Amino acid sequence: MFLNIIIVASVLVVLFTLVMGMVQLASNSEEARQKSNTWMWRRIYAQGGAIVIMMICVWLKSKGV
């Protein structure tokens, strides 16, 4: 149960960073473009982290934890 919560939390973080990047992208100013770029890089890091977290959770579930 705890592992499922961790997986859902990591997916929600990725979704949050995606939405924030898209919100910033909707503006036309240069500052908004830079913020959007920053959010999209955060999304990439969050996705990498989410993949690692999911792999660890799957491995732990296979071990019966």
N, C-alpha and C. Protein backbone atom coordinates (compact mmCIF):
# COMPACT_ATOMS: atom_id res chain seq x y z
N MET A 1 0.83 -1.19 0.00
CA MET A 1 0.00 0.00 0.00
C MET A 1 0.87 1.26 0.00
N PHE A 2 1.91 1.26 0.83
CA PHE A 2 2.80 2.42 0.92
C PHE A 2 3.51 2.66 -0.41
N LEU A 3 3.91 1.58 -1.09
CA LEU A 3 4.59 1.72 -2.36
C LEU A 3 3.68 2.33 -3.43
N ASN A 4 2.41 1.96 -3.39
CA ASN A 4 1.45 2.53 -4.34
C ASN A 4 1.30 4.04 -4.13
N ILE A 5 1.31 4.47 -2.89
CA ILE A 5 1.20 5.89 -2.58
C ILE A 5 2.42 6.64 -3.11
N ILE A 6 3.59 6.04 -2.98
CA ILE A 6 4.82 6.67 -3.49
C ILE A 6 4.75 6.79 -5.01
N ILE A 7 4.27 5.77 -5.69
CA ILE A 7 4.15 5.81 -7.15
C ILE A 7 3.18 6.90 -7.57
N VAL A 8 2.02 6.97 -6.94
CA VAL A 8 1.02 7.99 -7.27
C VAL A 8 1.58 9.39 -7.01
N ALA A 9 2.30 9.56 -5.92
CA ALA A 9 2.88 10.87 -5.60
C ALA A 9 3.90 11.28 -6.66
N SER A 10 4.71 10.35 -7.12
CA SER A 10 5.70 10.69 -8.14
C SER A 10 5.03 11.06 -9.46
N VAL A 11 3.96 10.39 -9.82
CA VAL A 11 3.22 10.72 -11.04
C VAL A 11 2.55 12.09 -10.90
N LEU A 12 2.04 12.40 -9.73
CA LEU A 12 1.42 13.71 -9.50
C LEU A 12 2.44 14.84 -9.59
N VAL A 13 3.64 14.60 -9.13
CA VAL A 13 4.70 15.62 -9.26
C VAL A 13 5.00 15.88 -10.73
N VAL A 14 5.09 14.83 -11.53
CA VAL A 14 5.33 14.99 -12.96
C VAL A 14 4.18 15.77 -13.61
N LEU A 15 2.95 15.42 -13.25
CA LEU A 15 1.79 16.11 -13.80
C LEU A 15 1.78 17.58 -13.40
N PHE A 16 2.13 17.87 -12.16
CA PHE A 16 2.17 19.25 -11.69
C PHE A 16 3.19 20.06 -12.47
N THR A 17 4.38 19.51 -12.67
CA THR A 17 5.41 20.25 -13.40
C THR A 17 5.00 20.45 -14.87
N LEU A 18 4.32 19.48 -15.45
CA LEU A 18 3.84 19.62 -16.82
C LEU A 18 2.82 20.75 -16.92
N VAL A 19 1.86 20.77 -16.02
CA VAL A 19 0.81 21.80 -16.03
C VAL A 19 1.43 23.18 -15.80
N MET A 20 2.35 23.30 -14.87
CA MET A 20 2.98 24.60 -14.61
C MET A 20 3.76 25.08 -15.83
N GLY A 21 4.44 24.19 -16.52
CA GLY A 21 5.16 24.56 -17.73
C GLY A 21 4.23 25.01 -18.83
N MET A 22 3.08 24.34 -18.96
CA MET A 22 2.12 24.72 -19.98
C MET A 22 1.44 26.04 -19.66
N VAL A 23 1.20 26.30 -18.38
CA VAL A 23 0.60 27.57 -17.97
C VAL A 23 1.55 28.72 -18.33
N GLN A 24 2.83 28.54 -18.05
CA GLN A 24 3.81 29.57 -18.39
C GLN A 24 3.94 29.73 -19.90
N LEU A 25 3.79 28.64 -20.64
CA LEU A 25 3.91 28.68 -22.09
C LEU A 25 2.76 29.46 -22.72
N ALA A 26 1.64 29.54 -22.04
CA ALA A 26 0.47 30.25 -22.57
C ALA A 26 0.71 31.75 -22.68
N SER A 27 1.61 32.29 -21.88
CA SER A 27 1.93 33.71 -21.95
C SER A 27 2.92 33.95 -23.09
N ASN A 28 2.92 35.17 -23.59
CA ASN A 28 3.78 35.49 -24.74
C ASN A 28 5.05 36.24 -24.37
N SER A 29 5.24 36.56 -23.10
CA SER A 29 6.41 37.34 -22.73
C SER A 29 7.67 36.47 -22.69
N GLU A 30 8.80 37.12 -22.78
CA GLU A 30 10.09 36.42 -22.74
C GLU A 30 10.33 35.78 -21.38
N GLU A 31 9.91 36.49 -20.33
CA GLU A 31 10.06 35.94 -18.97
C GLU A 31 9.24 34.66 -18.81
N ALA A 32 8.04 34.64 -19.38
CA ALA A 32 7.21 33.45 -19.30
C ALA A 32 7.84 32.29 -20.05
N ARG A 33 8.47 32.57 -21.17
CA ARG A 33 9.15 31.51 -21.93
C ARG A 33 10.30 30.91 -21.13
N GLN A 34 11.04 31.76 -20.44
CA GLN A 34 12.14 31.25 -19.62
C GLN A 34 11.61 30.42 -18.46
N LYS A 35 10.53 30.89 -17.84
CA LYS A 35 9.94 30.11 -16.75
C LYS A 35 9.39 28.78 -17.26
N SER A 36 8.78 28.81 -18.44
CA SER A 36 8.26 27.57 -19.03
C SER A 36 9.40 26.59 -19.29
N ASN A 37 10.50 27.09 -19.82
CA ASN A 37 11.66 26.24 -20.06
C ASN A 37 12.17 25.63 -18.77
N THR A 38 12.21 26.45 -17.71
CA THR A 38 12.65 25.95 -16.40
C THR A 38 11.71 24.86 -15.89
N TRP A 39 10.40 25.08 -16.03
CA TRP A 39 9.43 24.07 -15.58
C TRP A 39 9.54 22.79 -16.40
N MET A 40 9.80 22.92 -17.68
CA MET A 40 9.91 21.73 -18.51
C MET A 40 11.17 20.93 -18.17
N TRP A 41 12.25 21.62 -17.82
CA TRP A 41 13.44 20.90 -17.36
C TRP A 41 13.16 20.20 -16.03
N ARG A 42 12.41 20.86 -15.16
CA ARG A 42 12.02 20.22 -13.90
C ARG A 42 11.18 18.98 -14.17
N ARG A 43 10.32 19.06 -15.20
CA ARG A 43 9.50 17.90 -15.56
C ARG A 43 10.37 16.74 -16.01
N ILE A 44 11.39 17.05 -16.79
CA ILE A 44 12.29 15.98 -17.24
C ILE A 44 12.97 15.30 -16.05
N TYR A 45 13.45 16.10 -15.10
CA TYR A 45 14.06 15.52 -13.90
C TYR A 45 13.04 14.74 -13.08
N ALA A 46 11.82 15.25 -12.99
CA ALA A 46 10.77 14.56 -12.24
C ALA A 46 10.42 13.24 -12.91
N GLN A 47 10.38 13.23 -14.24
CA GLN A 47 10.09 11.99 -14.94
C GLN A 47 11.19 10.95 -14.71
N GLY A 48 12.43 11.39 -14.74
CA GLY A 48 13.53 10.47 -14.45
C GLY A 48 13.43 9.90 -13.05
N GLY A 49 13.12 10.79 -12.10
CA GLY A 49 12.95 10.33 -10.72
C GLY A 49 11.78 9.38 -10.57
N ALA A 50 10.69 9.67 -11.27
CA ALA A 50 9.51 8.81 -11.20
C ALA A 50 9.80 7.43 -11.76
N ILE A 51 10.58 7.37 -12.84
CA ILE A 51 10.94 6.07 -13.42
C ILE A 51 11.78 5.27 -12.44
N VAL A 52 12.75 5.93 -11.81
CA VAL A 52 13.59 5.24 -10.82
C VAL A 52 12.74 4.76 -9.65
N ILE A 53 11.85 5.62 -9.16
CA ILE A 53 10.97 5.24 -8.04
C ILE A 53 10.10 4.05 -8.42
N MET A 54 9.54 4.07 -9.63
CA MET A 54 8.69 2.95 -10.07
C MET A 54 9.49 1.66 -10.18
N MET A 55 10.71 1.75 -10.69
CA MET A 55 11.54 0.55 -10.80
C MET A 55 11.85 -0.03 -9.42
N ILE A 56 12.17 0.84 -8.47
CA ILE A 56 12.44 0.37 -7.11
C ILE A 56 11.20 -0.25 -6.49
N CYS A 57 10.05 0.37 -6.69
CA CYS A 57 8.80 -0.16 -6.12
C CYS A 57 8.44 -1.51 -6.73
N VAL A 58 8.61 -1.65 -8.03
CA VAL A 58 8.34 -2.94 -8.68
C VAL A 58 9.29 -3.99 -8.15
N TRP A 59 10.56 -3.65 -7.99
CA TRP A 59 11.54 -4.59 -7.46
C TRP A 59 11.17 -4.99 -6.03
N LEU A 60 10.79 -4.01 -5.21
CA LEU A 60 10.40 -4.33 -3.83
C LEU A 60 9.15 -5.19 -3.78
N LYS A 61 8.19 -4.91 -4.67
CA LYS A 61 6.98 -5.73 -4.69
C LYS A 61 7.29 -7.16 -5.12
N SER A 62 8.24 -7.33 -6.02
CA SER A 62 8.60 -8.69 -6.46
C SER A 62 9.28 -9.46 -5.33
N LYS A 63 9.90 -8.72 -4.40
CA LYS A 63 10.55 -9.36 -3.26
C LYS A 63 9.56 -9.63 -2.11
N GLY A 64 8.34 -9.12 -2.29
CA GLY A 64 7.31 -9.38 -1.27
C GLY A 64 7.26 -8.34 -0.16
N VAL A 65 7.83 -7.18 -0.37
CA VAL A 65 7.83 -6.13 0.65
C VAL A 65 6.54 -5.38 0.59
